[in-house]
């Protein structure tokens, strides 16, 4: 049954990736990236609020300090991932981005091995090395298809990868400290709907704060810039990508929710769950990039994706 939830996660992540690429073409300035993602997080928060009541978990809205800190960390890292991804995808191919995010899946495995004594076997280390090698192979593919992304493009990829990896790690913190299957043995448990609701609320607040700071900097640089004109311009920028943003919000919430089910309800470890999901995404992203975005499959892209996929298989099977 757990693999059904992994499959559902893959489906929704693939839909999210397609809509994210479409949305990125509408980003004219950094402020647009903040606005698009604020709307997406608001929609996710609304969906999360409804799901809390559907699960009958409304009595758990009052969370303790530890749970609050975990959700806050997840929200900050989620905002970090969202902004990094939507800006990085403009300068990098979808295949390169997905392999780079696969590297981020190593982060929760390493942190969980350190904090919760989840051992990393030799085969898993070999799998990690193969995924690193795949990222190196695809660096050349990205240069041939999108041109050199420069230091800024590379930095955005790192921000997105680390952000997503840390979001996955917070899922493990929630699992270990606030679910019955956790190893810490806590007395207080919170439904997964509460965790998912709060991470989107905090991500929304962080993104709004970032947008305010960004706008203030712009006004300092351009004192003649009128707030009303900027608000109108920002609202107009949302019209075109709105359908994609809505679909992305639904897909993102569903993917995160099903990941939480897989790790929280069925106990799938971080060393298996996140690399497995990323390996599946490598296949779907290659197909999506080729069919919808004109990213031709070259020997280098096929080799890089295949090496990464072998790395994932080694980590999960042997």
Protein backbone atom coordinates (compact mmCIF):
# COMPACT_ATOMS: atom_id res chain seq x y z
CA UNK A 1 0.00 0.00 0.00
CA UNK A 2 2.84 2.41 0.78
CA UNK A 3 4.00 2.29 -2.84
CA UNK A 4 0.55 3.47 -3.94
CA UNK A 5 1.14 6.68 -1.98
CA UNK A 6 4.63 6.97 -3.49
CA UNK A 7 3.07 6.61 -6.97
CA UNK A 8 0.47 9.28 -6.18
CA UNK A 9 3.27 11.55 -4.97
CA UNK A 10 5.13 11.04 -8.27
CA UNK A 11 2.04 11.85 -10.31
CA UNK A 12 1.34 15.09 -8.47
CA UNK A 13 5.01 16.12 -8.48
CA UNK A 14 5.10 15.61 -12.25
CA UNK A 15 2.02 17.79 -12.70
CA UNK A 16 3.54 20.40 -10.40
CA UNK A 17 6.79 20.39 -12.36
CA UNK A 18 4.98 20.90 -15.67
CA UNK A 19 2.91 23.80 -14.33
CA UNK A 20 5.97 25.25 -12.58
CA UNK A 21 7.90 25.37 -15.85
CA UNK A 22 4.93 27.05 -17.54
CA UNK A 23 4.63 29.56 -14.70
CA UNK A 24 8.35 30.38 -14.78
CA UNK A 25 8.00 31.77 -18.31
CA UNK A 26 5.68 34.45 -16.88
CA UNK A 27 8.24 35.65 -14.34
CA UNK A 28 9.52 39.03 -15.52
CA UNK A 29 11.18 40.08 -12.25
CA UNK A 30 11.99 38.64 -8.84
CA UNK A 31 8.84 40.20 -7.36
CA UNK A 32 6.71 38.07 -9.69
CA UNK A 33 8.29 34.92 -8.25
CA UNK A 34 7.28 36.03 -4.77
CA UNK A 35 3.72 36.93 -5.85
CA UNK A 36 3.15 33.67 -7.74
CA UNK A 37 4.31 31.59 -4.81
CA UNK A 38 2.41 33.64 -2.21
CA UNK A 39 -0.80 32.92 -4.10
CA UNK A 40 0.14 29.25 -4.38
CA UNK A 41 0.88 28.99 -0.65
CA UNK A 42 -2.36 30.78 0.23
CA UNK A 43 -4.26 28.21 -1.83
CA UNK A 44 -2.34 25.36 -0.17
CA UNK A 45 -3.15 26.84 3.26
CA UNK A 46 -6.84 26.97 2.34
CA UNK A 47 -6.78 23.37 1.14
CA UNK A 48 -4.95 22.38 4.31
CA UNK A 49 -7.54 24.14 6.47
CA UNK A 50 -10.34 22.20 4.77
CA UNK A 51 -8.48 18.89 5.13
CA UNK A 52 -7.98 19.51 8.87
CA UNK A 53 -11.76 19.70 9.32
CA UNK A 54 -12.33 16.74 6.99
CA UNK A 55 -10.07 14.66 9.25
CA UNK A 56 -11.76 16.02 12.37
CA UNK A 57 -8.43 17.37 13.59
CA UNK A 58 -9.56 20.93 14.37
CA UNK A 59 -9.00 20.30 18.08
CA UNK A 60 -5.25 20.08 17.40
CA UNK A 61 -4.75 23.61 16.03
CA UNK A 62 -3.05 24.62 19.29
CA UNK A 63 0.45 23.15 18.90
CA UNK A 64 3.33 23.14 21.37
CA UNK A 65 6.63 24.99 20.92
CA UNK A 66 8.51 22.01 19.47
CA UNK A 67 5.89 21.38 16.80
CA UNK A 68 5.75 25.11 16.11
CA UNK A 69 9.51 25.23 15.49
CA UNK A 70 9.40 22.21 13.18
CA UNK A 71 6.57 23.74 11.12
CA UNK A 72 8.31 27.12 11.07
CA UNK A 73 11.52 25.53 9.79
CA UNK A 74 9.51 23.67 7.15
CA UNK A 75 7.80 26.90 6.09
CA UNK A 76 11.08 28.83 5.78
CA UNK A 77 12.74 26.02 3.81
CA UNK A 78 9.67 25.61 1.63
CA UNK A 79 9.79 29.31 0.73
CA UNK A 80 13.52 28.94 0.05
CA UNK A 81 12.85 26.02 -2.31
CA UNK A 82 9.97 27.72 -4.13
CA UNK A 83 11.83 30.93 -4.94
CA UNK A 84 15.04 29.11 -5.80
CA UNK A 85 13.25 26.71 -8.14
CA UNK A 86 11.10 29.16 -10.06
CA UNK A 87 14.10 31.42 -10.71
CA UNK A 88 16.56 28.58 -11.38
CA UNK A 89 14.32 26.81 -13.92
CA UNK A 90 14.58 29.88 -16.16
CA UNK A 91 18.34 29.32 -16.49
CA UNK A 92 18.57 25.53 -16.28
CA UNK A 93 16.98 22.59 -18.09
CA UNK A 94 14.26 20.58 -16.35
CA UNK A 95 16.42 17.45 -16.41
CA UNK A 96 19.36 19.24 -14.78
CA UNK A 97 17.08 20.74 -12.13
CA UNK A 98 15.56 17.39 -11.26
CA UNK A 99 18.90 15.61 -10.86
CA UNK A 100 20.09 18.53 -8.72
CA UNK A 101 17.03 18.15 -6.51
CA UNK A 102 17.82 14.44 -6.28
CA UNK A 103 21.05 15.51 -4.59
CA UNK A 104 18.90 17.34 -2.06
CA UNK A 105 17.24 14.03 -1.15
CA UNK A 106 20.59 12.93 0.30
CA UNK A 107 20.39 15.67 2.94
CA UNK A 108 17.52 14.22 5.05
CA UNK A 109 19.14 10.77 4.87
CA UNK A 110 22.43 12.12 6.26
CA UNK A 111 20.73 14.22 8.96
CA UNK A 112 18.50 11.32 10.04
CA UNK A 113 21.52 9.02 10.22
CA UNK A 114 23.14 11.56 12.53
CA UNK A 115 20.13 12.36 14.73
CA UNK A 116 18.09 9.14 14.73
CA UNK A 117 20.70 6.44 14.12
CA UNK A 118 19.32 5.42 10.72
CA UNK A 119 22.41 3.58 9.42
CA UNK A 120 23.78 4.39 5.96
CA UNK A 121 25.00 1.16 4.39
CA UNK A 122 27.81 0.80 1.86
CA UNK A 123 25.34 0.30 -0.99
CA UNK A 124 23.51 3.49 -0.08
CA UNK A 125 26.82 5.36 -0.11
CA UNK A 126 27.51 3.95 -3.58
CA UNK A 127 24.07 5.15 -4.66
CA UNK A 128 24.84 8.63 -3.34
CA UNK A 129 28.10 8.70 -5.32
CA UNK A 130 26.29 7.67 -8.51
CA UNK A 131 23.76 10.47 -8.07
CA UNK A 132 26.62 12.95 -7.58
CA UNK A 133 28.23 11.63 -10.77
CA UNK A 134 24.93 12.08 -12.63
CA UNK A 135 24.77 15.72 -11.56
CA UNK A 136 28.27 16.24 -12.97
CA UNK A 137 27.32 14.60 -16.28
CA UNK A 138 24.22 16.75 -16.64
CA UNK A 139 26.11 19.96 -15.91
CA UNK A 140 27.52 19.68 -19.44
CA UNK A 141 24.08 18.90 -20.86
CA UNK A 142 22.65 22.03 -19.27
CA UNK A 143 25.40 24.16 -20.80
CA UNK A 144 24.70 22.78 -24.29
CA UNK A 145 20.92 23.28 -24.08
CA UNK A 146 20.47 26.43 -21.97
CA UNK A 147 23.94 27.96 -22.11
CA UNK A 148 26.04 28.68 -19.06
CA UNK A 149 23.81 29.55 -16.12
CA UNK A 150 26.72 31.30 -14.38
CA UNK A 151 27.32 31.54 -10.67
CA UNK A 152 23.86 33.02 -10.07
CA UNK A 153 22.13 30.13 -11.83
CA UNK A 154 24.20 27.60 -9.90
CA UNK A 155 23.46 29.35 -6.61
CA UNK A 156 19.72 29.23 -7.31
CA UNK A 157 19.95 25.49 -7.99
CA UNK A 158 21.78 24.98 -4.68
CA UNK A 159 19.19 27.08 -2.81
CA UNK A 160 16.32 25.05 -4.31
CA UNK A 161 18.03 21.72 -3.66
CA UNK A 162 18.96 22.48 -0.04
CA UNK A 163 15.54 24.00 0.61
CA UNK A 164 13.68 20.92 -0.62
CA UNK A 165 16.05 18.60 1.22
CA UNK A 166 15.42 20.43 4.49
CA UNK A 167 11.64 20.36 3.94
CA UNK A 168 11.92 16.57 3.62
CA UNK A 169 14.01 16.53 6.81
CA UNK A 170 11.28 18.38 8.72
CA UNK A 171 8.87 15.62 7.69
CA UNK A 172 11.19 13.22 9.47
CA UNK A 173 11.37 15.49 12.54
CA UNK A 174 7.57 15.54 12.65
CA UNK A 175 7.48 11.76 12.24
CA UNK A 176 10.05 11.08 14.96
CA UNK A 177 8.78 13.56 17.55
CA UNK A 178 5.04 13.86 17.00
CA UNK A 179 3.66 10.60 15.57
CA UNK A 180 3.07 7.28 17.27
CA UNK A 181 5.62 5.62 14.98
CA UNK A 182 8.38 7.98 16.06
CA UNK A 183 11.50 6.76 17.83
CA UNK A 184 11.64 9.58 20.37
CA UNK A 185 8.67 8.39 22.37
CA UNK A 186 6.86 11.72 22.74
CA UNK A 187 3.57 11.97 24.62
CA UNK A 188 1.96 14.49 22.26
CA UNK A 189 0.90 13.51 18.72
CA UNK A 190 -0.46 15.72 15.95
CA UNK A 191 -2.39 14.62 12.84
CA UNK A 192 -0.51 14.96 9.54
CA UNK A 193 -3.14 17.45 8.35
CA UNK A 194 -2.06 19.85 11.12
CA UNK A 195 1.60 19.56 10.10
CA UNK A 196 0.79 20.17 6.43
CA UNK A 197 -1.50 23.11 7.22
CA UNK A 198 1.05 24.97 9.30
CA UNK A 199 3.99 24.53 6.92
CA UNK A 200 2.02 26.32 4.22
CA UNK A 201 0.86 29.05 6.58
CA UNK A 202 4.45 29.76 7.61
CA UNK A 203 5.69 29.57 4.02
CA UNK A 204 3.06 32.16 3.07
CA UNK A 205 4.15 34.51 5.87
CA UNK A 206 7.84 34.16 4.97
CA UNK A 207 7.16 34.87 1.29
CA UNK A 208 5.03 37.93 2.15
CA UNK A 209 7.85 39.24 4.34
CA UNK A 210 10.35 38.67 1.51
CA UNK A 211 8.11 40.51 -0.95
CA UNK A 212 7.74 43.47 1.43
CA UNK A 213 11.51 43.67 1.84
CA UNK A 214 12.00 43.37 -1.92
CA UNK A 215 9.49 46.16 -2.60
CA UNK A 216 11.06 48.42 0.04
CA UNK A 217 14.48 47.98 -1.56
CA UNK A 218 12.97 48.84 -4.94
CA UNK A 219 11.41 52.01 -3.53
CA UNK A 220 14.69 53.06 -1.98
CA UNK A 221 16.37 52.63 -5.36
CA UNK A 222 13.47 54.27 -7.22
CA UNK A 223 11.78 56.81 -4.90
CA UNK A 224 9.39 57.91 -7.66
CA UNK A 225 7.89 54.42 -7.93
CA UNK A 226 4.26 54.53 -6.82
CA UNK A 227 2.87 51.77 -4.58
CA UNK A 228 -0.50 51.77 -6.34
CA UNK A 229 1.11 51.29 -9.74
CA UNK A 230 3.19 48.42 -8.40
CA UNK A 231 0.16 46.71 -6.83
CA UNK A 232 -1.76 46.99 -10.11
CA UNK A 233 1.21 45.67 -12.06
CA UNK A 234 1.59 42.76 -9.63
CA UNK A 235 -2.10 41.89 -9.90
CA UNK A 236 -1.92 41.93 -13.71
CA UNK A 237 1.10 39.62 -13.63
CA UNK A 238 -1.01 36.97 -11.87
CA UNK A 239 -3.70 36.77 -14.54
CA UNK A 240 -1.79 34.78 -17.15
CA UNK A 241 -0.30 32.04 -14.94
CA UNK A 242 -3.33 31.81 -12.60
CA UNK A 243 -4.64 28.43 -13.90
CA UNK A 244 -1.17 26.90 -13.58
CA UNK A 245 -0.73 28.35 -10.08
CA UNK A 246 -4.03 26.79 -8.94
CA UNK A 247 -3.11 23.36 -10.33
CA UNK A 248 0.36 23.68 -8.78
CA UNK A 249 -1.14 24.46 -5.38
CA UNK A 250 -3.39 21.39 -5.44
CA UNK A 251 -0.57 19.18 -6.73
CA UNK A 252 1.95 20.47 -4.20
CA UNK A 253 -0.38 19.95 -1.26
CA UNK A 254 -1.29 16.44 -2.45
CA UNK A 255 2.36 15.45 -3.02
CA UNK A 256 3.46 16.68 0.41
CA UNK A 257 0.46 15.05 2.09
CA UNK A 258 1.06 11.66 0.47
CA UNK A 259 4.77 11.82 1.35
CA UNK A 260 3.76 12.42 4.96
CA UNK A 261 1.42 9.41 4.80
CA UNK A 262 4.20 7.21 3.38
CA UNK A 263 6.72 8.14 6.07
CA UNK A 264 4.37 8.77 9.01
CA UNK A 265 1.69 6.08 8.62
CA UNK A 266 3.74 3.39 6.88
CA UNK A 267 7.20 4.08 8.32
CA UNK A 268 9.14 4.34 5.06
CA UNK A 269 12.58 5.67 5.99
CA UNK A 270 14.14 8.83 4.61
CA UNK A 271 16.89 6.82 2.91
CA UNK A 272 14.29 5.00 0.82
CA UNK A 273 11.41 7.43 0.38
CA UNK A 274 13.07 10.58 -0.94
CA UNK A 275 15.60 9.01 -3.34
CA UNK A 276 12.84 6.71 -4.62
CA UNK A 277 10.58 9.65 -5.37
CA UNK A 278 13.40 11.56 -7.05
CA UNK A 279 14.32 8.53 -9.14
CA UNK A 280 10.76 8.27 -10.40
CA UNK A 281 10.70 11.99 -11.12
CA UNK A 282 13.80 11.61 -13.29
CA UNK A 283 11.80 9.45 -15.68
CA UNK A 284 8.70 11.66 -15.75
CA UNK A 285 10.73 14.87 -16.07
CA UNK A 286 12.68 13.53 -19.04
CA UNK A 287 9.43 12.69 -20.80
CA UNK A 288 7.80 16.01 -19.89
CA UNK A 289 10.83 18.05 -20.96
CA UNK A 290 10.99 16.30 -24.32
CA UNK A 291 7.26 16.35 -25.13
CA UNK A 292 6.29 19.82 -23.92
CA UNK A 293 9.40 22.00 -23.66
CA UNK A 294 11.57 20.97 -26.59
CA UNK A 295 14.45 19.66 -24.48
CA UNK A 296 15.88 17.01 -26.77
CA UNK A 297 17.11 13.79 -25.24
CA UNK A 298 20.84 13.62 -25.95
CA UNK A 299 23.34 10.89 -25.11
CA UNK A 300 24.52 13.00 -22.20
CA UNK A 301 21.03 13.59 -20.78
CA UNK A 302 20.11 9.92 -21.12
CA UNK A 303 23.41 8.83 -19.55
CA UNK A 304 23.09 11.31 -16.66
CA UNK A 305 19.51 10.31 -15.93
CA UNK A 306 20.36 6.60 -16.21
CA UNK A 307 23.30 6.92 -13.79
CA UNK A 308 21.08 8.78 -11.30
CA UNK A 309 18.36 6.15 -11.69
CA UNK A 310 20.87 3.33 -11.09
CA UNK A 311 22.01 5.19 -7.99
CA UNK A 312 18.43 5.31 -6.72
CA UNK A 313 17.89 1.60 -7.46
CA UNK A 314 21.13 0.68 -5.65
CA UNK A 315 20.01 2.68 -2.61
CA UNK A 316 16.59 1.05 -2.47
CA UNK A 317 17.10 -2.54 -3.56
CA UNK A 318 20.52 -3.67 -2.35
